[in-house]
């Protein structure tokens, strides 16, 4: 999967707002400074996030942006899909299922692509902004921990 620079900026901005969630509205300048983000580009990104109801804007002297929902309710997948489209490098799941059904010669290859797509999507669907800001951890531990927790139920 490839995440664009715009996608990274969006994630960084949301993480900044999440870290300062209890502070109320944060000015664009402060969000940009915190993440070393270009302010004009950030304005466009925040507008897109606002239209998707991930952030909200507050007018006035103490205005700025804040998260529309708690960081624990915002999934990485929501932001990535909004900014960059599908989560996986091999197309969407329906497209891959269609190829599996239609192309017998390459069916096994498309099944692998579908498994990769599903695994990436599960990790991003199961990781919230709160997870990222409150618990930095070694690469790959999120999905394994959740999977073993789900299997032990």
N, C-alpha and C. Protein backbone atom coordinates (compact mmCIF):
# COMPACT_ATOMS: atom_id res chain seq x y z
N UNK A 1 0.85 -1.17 0.00
CA UNK A 1 0.00 0.00 0.00
C UNK A 1 0.89 1.24 0.00
N UNK A 2 0.47 2.22 -0.72
CA UNK A 2 1.20 3.48 -0.77
C UNK A 2 0.31 4.57 -0.20
N UNK A 3 0.82 5.27 0.77
CA UNK A 3 0.09 6.38 1.36
C UNK A 3 0.75 7.65 0.83
N UNK A 4 -0.08 8.55 0.33
CA UNK A 4 0.44 9.80 -0.24
C UNK A 4 0.95 10.73 0.86
N UNK A 5 1.68 11.75 0.45
CA UNK A 5 2.13 12.77 1.40
C UNK A 5 0.92 13.44 2.05
N UNK A 6 -0.12 13.65 1.27
CA UNK A 6 -1.35 14.23 1.80
C UNK A 6 -1.94 13.33 2.88
N UNK A 7 -1.93 12.01 2.64
CA UNK A 7 -2.42 11.06 3.62
C UNK A 7 -1.61 11.09 4.91
N UNK A 8 -0.29 11.18 4.77
CA UNK A 8 0.57 11.27 5.96
C UNK A 8 0.30 12.56 6.73
N UNK A 9 0.13 13.67 6.01
CA UNK A 9 -0.17 14.93 6.68
C UNK A 9 -1.50 14.84 7.42
N UNK A 10 -2.48 14.22 6.80
CA UNK A 10 -3.79 14.07 7.44
C UNK A 10 -3.67 13.25 8.72
N UNK A 11 -2.94 12.15 8.65
CA UNK A 11 -2.74 11.32 9.84
C UNK A 11 -2.00 12.09 10.93
N UNK A 12 -0.98 12.84 10.54
CA UNK A 12 -0.21 13.62 11.52
C UNK A 12 -1.09 14.69 12.17
N UNK A 13 -1.91 15.36 11.37
CA UNK A 13 -2.80 16.38 11.92
C UNK A 13 -3.79 15.77 12.90
N UNK A 14 -4.38 14.65 12.53
CA UNK A 14 -5.34 13.98 13.41
C UNK A 14 -4.65 13.52 14.70
N UNK A 15 -3.42 13.04 14.58
CA UNK A 15 -2.69 12.63 15.78
C UNK A 15 -2.42 13.83 16.70
N UNK A 16 -2.07 14.97 16.12
CA UNK A 16 -1.87 16.18 16.92
C UNK A 16 -3.15 16.56 17.64
N UNK A 17 -4.27 16.54 16.92
CA UNK A 17 -5.55 16.86 17.55
C UNK A 17 -5.92 15.83 18.62
N UNK A 18 -5.55 14.59 18.42
CA UNK A 18 -5.83 13.55 19.41
C UNK A 18 -5.00 13.75 20.67
N UNK A 19 -3.73 14.08 20.49
CA UNK A 19 -2.87 14.32 21.67
C UNK A 19 -3.37 15.51 22.49
N UNK A 20 -4.01 16.45 21.83
CA UNK A 20 -4.50 17.66 22.50
C UNK A 20 -6.04 17.66 22.57
N UNK A 21 -6.63 16.49 22.57
CA UNK A 21 -8.09 16.32 22.51
C UNK A 21 -8.80 17.08 23.63
N UNK A 22 -8.26 17.07 24.81
CA UNK A 22 -8.92 17.70 25.96
C UNK A 22 -8.66 19.21 26.02
N UNK A 23 -7.82 19.72 25.11
CA UNK A 23 -7.48 21.15 25.11
C UNK A 23 -8.51 22.00 24.37
N UNK A 24 -9.46 21.39 23.72
CA UNK A 24 -10.42 22.16 22.92
C UNK A 24 -9.90 22.39 21.51
N UNK A 25 -10.34 23.47 20.90
CA UNK A 25 -9.98 23.78 19.52
C UNK A 25 -8.51 24.22 19.43
N UNK A 26 -7.85 23.74 18.39
CA UNK A 26 -6.43 24.05 18.15
C UNK A 26 -6.34 24.81 16.83
N UNK A 27 -5.62 25.89 16.83
CA UNK A 27 -5.47 26.70 15.62
C UNK A 27 -4.65 25.96 14.55
N UNK A 28 -4.97 26.24 13.30
CA UNK A 28 -4.26 25.61 12.19
C UNK A 28 -2.76 25.83 12.31
N UNK A 29 -2.38 27.04 12.66
CA UNK A 29 -0.95 27.35 12.79
C UNK A 29 -0.27 26.42 13.80
N UNK A 30 -0.95 26.16 14.92
CA UNK A 30 -0.37 25.29 15.95
C UNK A 30 -0.31 23.84 15.50
N UNK A 31 -1.31 23.39 14.77
CA UNK A 31 -1.29 22.02 14.22
C UNK A 31 -0.14 21.89 13.24
N UNK A 32 -0.01 22.88 12.37
CA UNK A 32 1.06 22.86 11.37
C UNK A 32 2.43 22.88 12.03
N UNK A 33 2.59 23.73 13.04
CA UNK A 33 3.87 23.83 13.74
C UNK A 33 4.23 22.53 14.45
N UNK A 34 3.24 21.93 15.09
CA UNK A 34 3.47 20.69 15.84
C UNK A 34 4.00 19.57 14.95
N UNK A 35 3.44 19.46 13.75
CA UNK A 35 3.85 18.38 12.85
C UNK A 35 4.77 18.81 11.73
N UNK A 36 5.21 20.08 11.77
CA UNK A 36 6.04 20.63 10.70
C UNK A 36 5.37 20.42 9.34
N UNK A 37 4.09 20.81 9.27
CA UNK A 37 3.27 20.62 8.08
C UNK A 37 3.07 21.96 7.38
N UNK A 38 2.95 21.95 6.05
CA UNK A 38 2.68 23.20 5.33
C UNK A 38 1.26 23.70 5.63
N UNK A 39 1.16 24.90 6.15
CA UNK A 39 -0.10 25.43 6.65
C UNK A 39 -1.19 25.51 5.58
N UNK A 40 -0.87 26.01 4.40
CA UNK A 40 -1.88 26.16 3.34
C UNK A 40 -2.42 24.80 2.90
N UNK A 41 -1.54 23.81 2.76
CA UNK A 41 -1.96 22.46 2.38
C UNK A 41 -2.79 21.85 3.50
N UNK A 42 -2.40 22.12 4.73
CA UNK A 42 -3.12 21.60 5.90
C UNK A 42 -4.55 22.14 5.94
N UNK A 43 -4.75 23.39 5.53
CA UNK A 43 -6.10 23.95 5.49
C UNK A 43 -7.02 23.11 4.60
N UNK A 44 -6.51 22.71 3.43
CA UNK A 44 -7.30 21.89 2.51
C UNK A 44 -7.59 20.51 3.09
N UNK A 45 -6.59 19.95 3.74
CA UNK A 45 -6.74 18.62 4.35
C UNK A 45 -7.78 18.67 5.48
N UNK A 46 -7.69 19.69 6.32
CA UNK A 46 -8.63 19.82 7.43
C UNK A 46 -10.05 20.04 6.93
N UNK A 47 -10.20 20.74 5.83
CA UNK A 47 -11.53 20.92 5.24
C UNK A 47 -12.10 19.57 4.79
N UNK A 48 -11.25 18.76 4.18
CA UNK A 48 -11.68 17.42 3.76
C UNK A 48 -12.06 16.56 4.97
N UNK A 49 -11.25 16.63 6.01
CA UNK A 49 -11.54 15.88 7.24
C UNK A 49 -12.81 16.41 7.91
N UNK A 50 -13.05 17.70 7.81
CA UNK A 50 -14.27 18.30 8.36
C UNK A 50 -15.50 17.81 7.60
N UNK A 51 -15.41 17.81 6.28
CA UNK A 51 -16.54 17.34 5.47
C UNK A 51 -16.87 15.88 5.73
N UNK A 52 -15.86 15.10 6.13
CA UNK A 52 -16.06 13.69 6.46
C UNK A 52 -16.43 13.49 7.94
N UNK A 53 -16.58 14.59 8.66
CA UNK A 53 -16.96 14.58 10.08
C UNK A 53 -15.93 13.86 10.97
N UNK A 54 -14.67 13.98 10.60
CA UNK A 54 -13.60 13.47 11.46
C UNK A 54 -13.13 14.58 12.39
N UNK A 55 -13.10 15.81 11.86
CA UNK A 55 -12.79 16.97 12.68
C UNK A 55 -13.94 17.96 12.56
N UNK A 56 -13.95 18.92 13.46
CA UNK A 56 -14.92 20.01 13.37
C UNK A 56 -14.19 21.31 13.59
N UNK A 57 -14.72 22.38 13.03
CA UNK A 57 -14.09 23.69 13.19
C UNK A 57 -14.91 24.52 14.16
N UNK A 58 -14.20 25.33 14.90
CA UNK A 58 -14.81 26.23 15.87
C UNK A 58 -14.39 27.65 15.46
N UNK A 59 -15.35 28.54 15.35
CA UNK A 59 -15.07 29.92 14.96
C UNK A 59 -14.78 30.77 16.18
N UNK A 60 -14.18 31.91 15.92
CA UNK A 60 -13.97 32.87 16.99
C UNK A 60 -12.55 32.95 17.47
N UNK A 61 -12.36 33.80 18.49
CA UNK A 61 -11.02 34.06 19.02
C UNK A 61 -10.36 32.79 19.58
N UNK A 62 -11.16 31.91 20.14
CA UNK A 62 -10.61 30.67 20.68
C UNK A 62 -10.89 29.50 19.74
N UNK A 63 -11.08 29.83 18.48
CA UNK A 63 -11.44 28.83 17.48
C UNK A 63 -10.27 28.03 16.97
N UNK A 64 -10.60 27.14 16.09
CA UNK A 64 -9.61 26.24 15.50
C UNK A 64 -10.30 24.94 15.12
N UNK A 65 -9.56 23.86 15.23
CA UNK A 65 -10.09 22.54 14.90
C UNK A 65 -9.94 21.62 16.10
N UNK A 66 -10.87 20.68 16.18
CA UNK A 66 -10.79 19.61 17.17
C UNK A 66 -11.41 18.36 16.55
N UNK A 67 -11.14 17.23 17.15
CA UNK A 67 -11.71 15.99 16.65
C UNK A 67 -13.21 15.99 16.88
N UNK A 68 -13.94 15.46 15.94
CA UNK A 68 -15.39 15.36 16.05
C UNK A 68 -15.80 14.24 17.01
N UNK A 69 -14.97 13.21 17.07
CA UNK A 69 -15.20 12.06 17.96
C UNK A 69 -13.93 11.81 18.77
N UNK A 70 -14.04 10.99 19.77
CA UNK A 70 -12.89 10.62 20.59
C UNK A 70 -11.84 9.89 19.74
N UNK A 71 -10.56 10.03 20.06
CA UNK A 71 -9.51 9.35 19.30
C UNK A 71 -9.71 7.83 19.23
N UNK A 72 -10.34 7.26 20.24
CA UNK A 72 -10.59 5.81 20.26
C UNK A 72 -11.67 5.39 19.27
N UNK A 73 -12.39 6.36 18.71
CA UNK A 73 -13.45 6.05 17.75
C UNK A 73 -13.05 6.33 16.30
N UNK A 74 -11.82 6.78 16.10
CA UNK A 74 -11.35 7.10 14.75
C UNK A 74 -10.31 6.07 14.34
N UNK A 75 -10.60 5.36 13.29
CA UNK A 75 -9.72 4.29 12.81
C UNK A 75 -8.80 4.81 11.70
N UNK A 76 -7.60 4.27 11.67
CA UNK A 76 -6.66 4.65 10.61
C UNK A 76 -7.28 4.43 9.23
N UNK A 77 -8.03 3.36 9.10
CA UNK A 77 -8.64 3.03 7.81
C UNK A 77 -9.55 4.14 7.31
N UNK A 78 -10.27 4.82 8.21
CA UNK A 78 -11.18 5.90 7.81
C UNK A 78 -10.41 7.04 7.15
N UNK A 79 -9.31 7.41 7.75
CA UNK A 79 -8.54 8.54 7.24
C UNK A 79 -7.86 8.17 5.93
N UNK A 80 -7.26 6.99 5.88
CA UNK A 80 -6.55 6.57 4.67
C UNK A 80 -7.52 6.42 3.51
N UNK A 81 -8.67 5.81 3.74
CA UNK A 81 -9.66 5.67 2.66
C UNK A 81 -10.13 7.04 2.17
N UNK A 82 -10.36 7.94 3.09
CA UNK A 82 -10.83 9.27 2.73
C UNK A 82 -9.81 9.99 1.84
N UNK A 83 -8.58 9.96 2.22
CA UNK A 83 -7.55 10.74 1.52
C UNK A 83 -6.98 9.99 0.32
N UNK A 84 -6.71 8.70 0.48
CA UNK A 84 -5.99 7.95 -0.56
C UNK A 84 -6.79 6.86 -1.25
N UNK A 85 -8.02 6.63 -0.83
CA UNK A 85 -8.82 5.61 -1.49
C UNK A 85 -8.62 4.23 -0.88
N UNK A 86 -8.73 3.16 -1.70
CA UNK A 86 -8.67 1.79 -1.17
C UNK A 86 -7.43 1.53 -0.33
N UNK A 87 -7.59 0.63 0.63
CA UNK A 87 -6.51 0.35 1.58
C UNK A 87 -5.39 -0.53 1.04
N UNK A 88 -5.65 -1.27 0.02
CA UNK A 88 -4.68 -2.28 -0.40
C UNK A 88 -4.14 -1.99 -1.79
N UNK A 89 -2.95 -2.50 -2.07
CA UNK A 89 -2.32 -2.22 -3.35
C UNK A 89 -2.88 -3.04 -4.51
N UNK A 90 -3.74 -4.00 -4.24
CA UNK A 90 -4.21 -4.92 -5.28
C UNK A 90 -5.65 -4.70 -5.68
N UNK A 91 -6.17 -3.53 -5.41
CA UNK A 91 -7.57 -3.27 -5.76
C UNK A 91 -8.48 -3.65 -4.62
N UNK A 92 -9.75 -3.43 -4.83
CA UNK A 92 -10.68 -3.74 -3.75
C UNK A 92 -11.05 -5.22 -3.74
N UNK A 93 -11.66 -5.65 -2.67
CA UNK A 93 -11.95 -7.06 -2.46
C UNK A 93 -12.88 -7.61 -3.54
N UNK A 94 -13.89 -6.84 -3.91
CA UNK A 94 -14.84 -7.31 -4.94
C UNK A 94 -14.13 -7.55 -6.28
N UNK A 95 -13.24 -6.64 -6.63
CA UNK A 95 -12.49 -6.79 -7.88
C UNK A 95 -11.64 -8.07 -7.85
N UNK A 96 -10.99 -8.33 -6.71
CA UNK A 96 -10.17 -9.53 -6.60
C UNK A 96 -11.03 -10.80 -6.62
N UNK A 97 -12.17 -10.78 -5.96
CA UNK A 97 -13.06 -11.95 -5.99
C UNK A 97 -13.54 -12.23 -7.41
N UNK A 98 -13.79 -11.17 -8.15
CA UNK A 98 -14.20 -11.32 -9.55
C UNK A 98 -13.08 -11.98 -10.36
N UNK A 99 -11.85 -11.56 -10.14
CA UNK A 99 -10.70 -12.16 -10.85
C UNK A 99 -10.52 -13.62 -10.45
N UNK A 100 -10.71 -13.92 -9.19
CA UNK A 100 -10.59 -15.31 -8.73
C UNK A 100 -11.62 -16.19 -9.43
N UNK A 101 -12.83 -15.70 -9.54
CA UNK A 101 -13.89 -16.48 -10.18
C UNK A 101 -13.69 -16.60 -11.69
N UNK A 102 -13.13 -15.59 -12.30
CA UNK A 102 -13.05 -15.52 -13.75
C UNK A 102 -11.77 -16.11 -14.35
N UNK A 103 -10.65 -15.99 -13.66
CA UNK A 103 -9.35 -16.35 -14.24
C UNK A 103 -8.77 -17.57 -13.52
N UNK A 104 -9.16 -18.74 -13.96
CA UNK A 104 -8.75 -19.99 -13.31
C UNK A 104 -7.23 -20.17 -13.33
N UNK A 105 -6.59 -19.75 -14.39
CA UNK A 105 -5.14 -19.94 -14.53
C UNK A 105 -4.36 -19.17 -13.46
N UNK A 106 -4.87 -18.02 -13.05
CA UNK A 106 -4.17 -17.18 -12.08
C UNK A 106 -4.91 -17.07 -10.74
N UNK A 107 -5.86 -17.95 -10.52
CA UNK A 107 -6.71 -17.91 -9.33
C UNK A 107 -5.89 -17.91 -8.03
N UNK A 108 -4.88 -18.77 -7.95
CA UNK A 108 -4.08 -18.87 -6.72
C UNK A 108 -3.35 -17.55 -6.43
N UNK A 109 -2.87 -16.90 -7.46
CA UNK A 109 -2.19 -15.62 -7.29
C UNK A 109 -3.16 -14.57 -6.75
N UNK A 110 -4.35 -14.50 -7.33
CA UNK A 110 -5.34 -13.53 -6.88
C UNK A 110 -5.81 -13.81 -5.45
N UNK A 111 -5.83 -15.08 -5.07
CA UNK A 111 -6.19 -15.42 -3.68
C UNK A 111 -5.15 -14.88 -2.71
N UNK A 112 -3.88 -14.99 -3.09
CA UNK A 112 -2.81 -14.44 -2.24
C UNK A 112 -2.99 -12.92 -2.13
N UNK A 113 -3.24 -12.26 -3.26
CA UNK A 113 -3.47 -10.81 -3.23
C UNK A 113 -4.65 -10.45 -2.33
N UNK A 114 -5.69 -11.26 -2.37
CA UNK A 114 -6.86 -11.01 -1.54
C UNK A 114 -6.51 -11.17 -0.05
N UNK A 115 -5.71 -12.18 0.26
CA UNK A 115 -5.27 -12.38 1.64
C UNK A 115 -4.43 -11.21 2.13
N UNK A 116 -3.53 -10.72 1.29
CA UNK A 116 -2.70 -9.56 1.65
C UNK A 116 -3.59 -8.34 1.88
N UNK A 117 -4.53 -8.13 0.98
CA UNK A 117 -5.46 -7.01 1.08
C UNK A 117 -6.27 -7.10 2.36
N UNK A 118 -6.78 -8.29 2.67
CA UNK A 118 -7.59 -8.47 3.87
C UNK A 118 -6.77 -8.26 5.14
N UNK A 119 -5.52 -8.74 5.15
CA UNK A 119 -4.67 -8.58 6.33
C UNK A 119 -4.36 -7.09 6.56
N UNK A 120 -4.01 -6.38 5.50
CA UNK A 120 -3.73 -4.94 5.64
C UNK A 120 -4.96 -4.20 6.12
N UNK A 121 -6.10 -4.52 5.53
CA UNK A 121 -7.34 -3.85 5.92
C UNK A 121 -7.68 -4.12 7.39
N UNK A 122 -7.49 -5.36 7.85
CA UNK A 122 -7.79 -5.70 9.25
C UNK A 122 -6.93 -4.90 10.21
N UNK A 123 -5.65 -4.77 9.90
CA UNK A 123 -4.76 -4.01 10.78
C UNK A 123 -5.22 -2.56 10.85
N UNK A 124 -5.49 -1.96 9.71
CA UNK A 124 -5.90 -0.56 9.68
C UNK A 124 -7.29 -0.35 10.28
N UNK A 125 -8.18 -1.32 10.10
CA UNK A 125 -9.53 -1.23 10.67
C UNK A 125 -9.49 -1.38 12.20
N UNK A 126 -8.53 -2.14 12.70
CA UNK A 126 -8.46 -2.43 14.13
C UNK A 126 -7.52 -1.51 14.89
N UNK A 127 -6.95 -0.52 14.22
CA UNK A 127 -6.04 0.40 14.88
C UNK A 127 -6.67 1.79 14.90
N UNK A 128 -6.83 2.32 16.10
CA UNK A 128 -7.42 3.65 16.24
C UNK A 128 -6.32 4.68 16.44
N UNK A 129 -6.70 5.93 16.32
CA UNK A 129 -5.76 7.02 16.59
C UNK A 129 -5.31 6.95 18.05
N UNK A 130 -6.20 6.60 18.95
CA UNK A 130 -5.83 6.46 20.37
C UNK A 130 -4.75 5.40 20.55
N UNK A 131 -4.86 4.29 19.80
CA UNK A 131 -3.83 3.25 19.87
C UNK A 131 -2.46 3.80 19.51
N UNK A 132 -2.43 4.61 18.47
CA UNK A 132 -1.17 5.13 17.95
C UNK A 132 -0.54 6.13 18.92
N UNK A 133 -1.34 7.04 19.46
CA UNK A 133 -0.75 8.09 20.30
C UNK A 133 -0.46 7.63 21.72
N UNK A 134 -1.18 6.61 22.19
CA UNK A 134 -1.00 6.23 23.59
C UNK A 134 -0.08 5.03 23.79
N UNK A 135 0.21 4.31 22.74
CA UNK A 135 0.96 3.07 22.93
C UNK A 135 1.89 2.80 21.76
N UNK A 136 2.96 3.60 21.60
CA UNK A 136 3.90 3.29 20.53
C UNK A 136 4.52 1.91 20.80
N UNK A 137 4.54 1.07 19.80
CA UNK A 137 5.01 -0.30 20.01
C UNK A 137 5.79 -0.78 18.79
N UNK A 138 6.52 -1.86 18.98
CA UNK A 138 7.30 -2.40 17.87
C UNK A 138 6.41 -2.81 16.69
N UNK A 139 6.97 -2.75 15.53
CA UNK A 139 6.29 -3.08 14.29
C UNK A 139 5.66 -4.47 14.35
N UNK A 140 4.39 -4.55 13.93
CA UNK A 140 3.73 -5.84 13.77
C UNK A 140 3.02 -6.37 15.00
N UNK A 141 3.11 -5.68 16.12
CA UNK A 141 2.51 -6.26 17.33
C UNK A 141 1.01 -6.01 17.43
N UNK A 142 0.50 -4.99 16.79
CA UNK A 142 -0.93 -4.66 16.91
C UNK A 142 -1.81 -5.81 16.47
N UNK A 143 -1.61 -6.28 15.26
CA UNK A 143 -2.48 -7.30 14.69
C UNK A 143 -2.33 -8.62 15.44
N UNK A 144 -1.11 -8.99 15.77
CA UNK A 144 -0.90 -10.26 16.49
C UNK A 144 -1.58 -10.25 17.85
N UNK A 145 -1.45 -9.16 18.59
CA UNK A 145 -2.07 -9.08 19.91
C UNK A 145 -3.58 -9.16 19.82
N UNK A 146 -4.14 -8.44 18.88
CA UNK A 146 -5.61 -8.45 18.74
C UNK A 146 -6.09 -9.80 18.27
N UNK A 147 -5.35 -10.41 17.35
CA UNK A 147 -5.76 -11.71 16.82
C UNK A 147 -5.73 -12.75 17.94
N UNK A 148 -4.66 -12.77 18.76
CA UNK A 148 -4.61 -13.76 19.82
C UNK A 148 -5.66 -13.47 20.89
N UNK A 149 -5.99 -12.20 21.12
CA UNK A 149 -7.04 -11.87 22.06
C UNK A 149 -8.41 -12.35 21.52
N UNK A 150 -8.63 -12.19 20.22
CA UNK A 150 -9.88 -12.64 19.63
C UNK A 150 -9.98 -14.16 19.64
N UNK A 151 -8.86 -14.85 19.40
CA UNK A 151 -8.85 -16.31 19.37
C UNK A 151 -9.03 -16.91 20.76
N UNK A 152 -8.66 -16.15 21.80
CA UNK A 152 -8.79 -16.71 23.15
C UNK A 152 -10.20 -16.55 23.73
N UNK A 153 -11.06 -15.85 22.99
CA UNK A 153 -12.44 -15.65 23.48
C UNK A 153 -13.29 -16.86 23.30
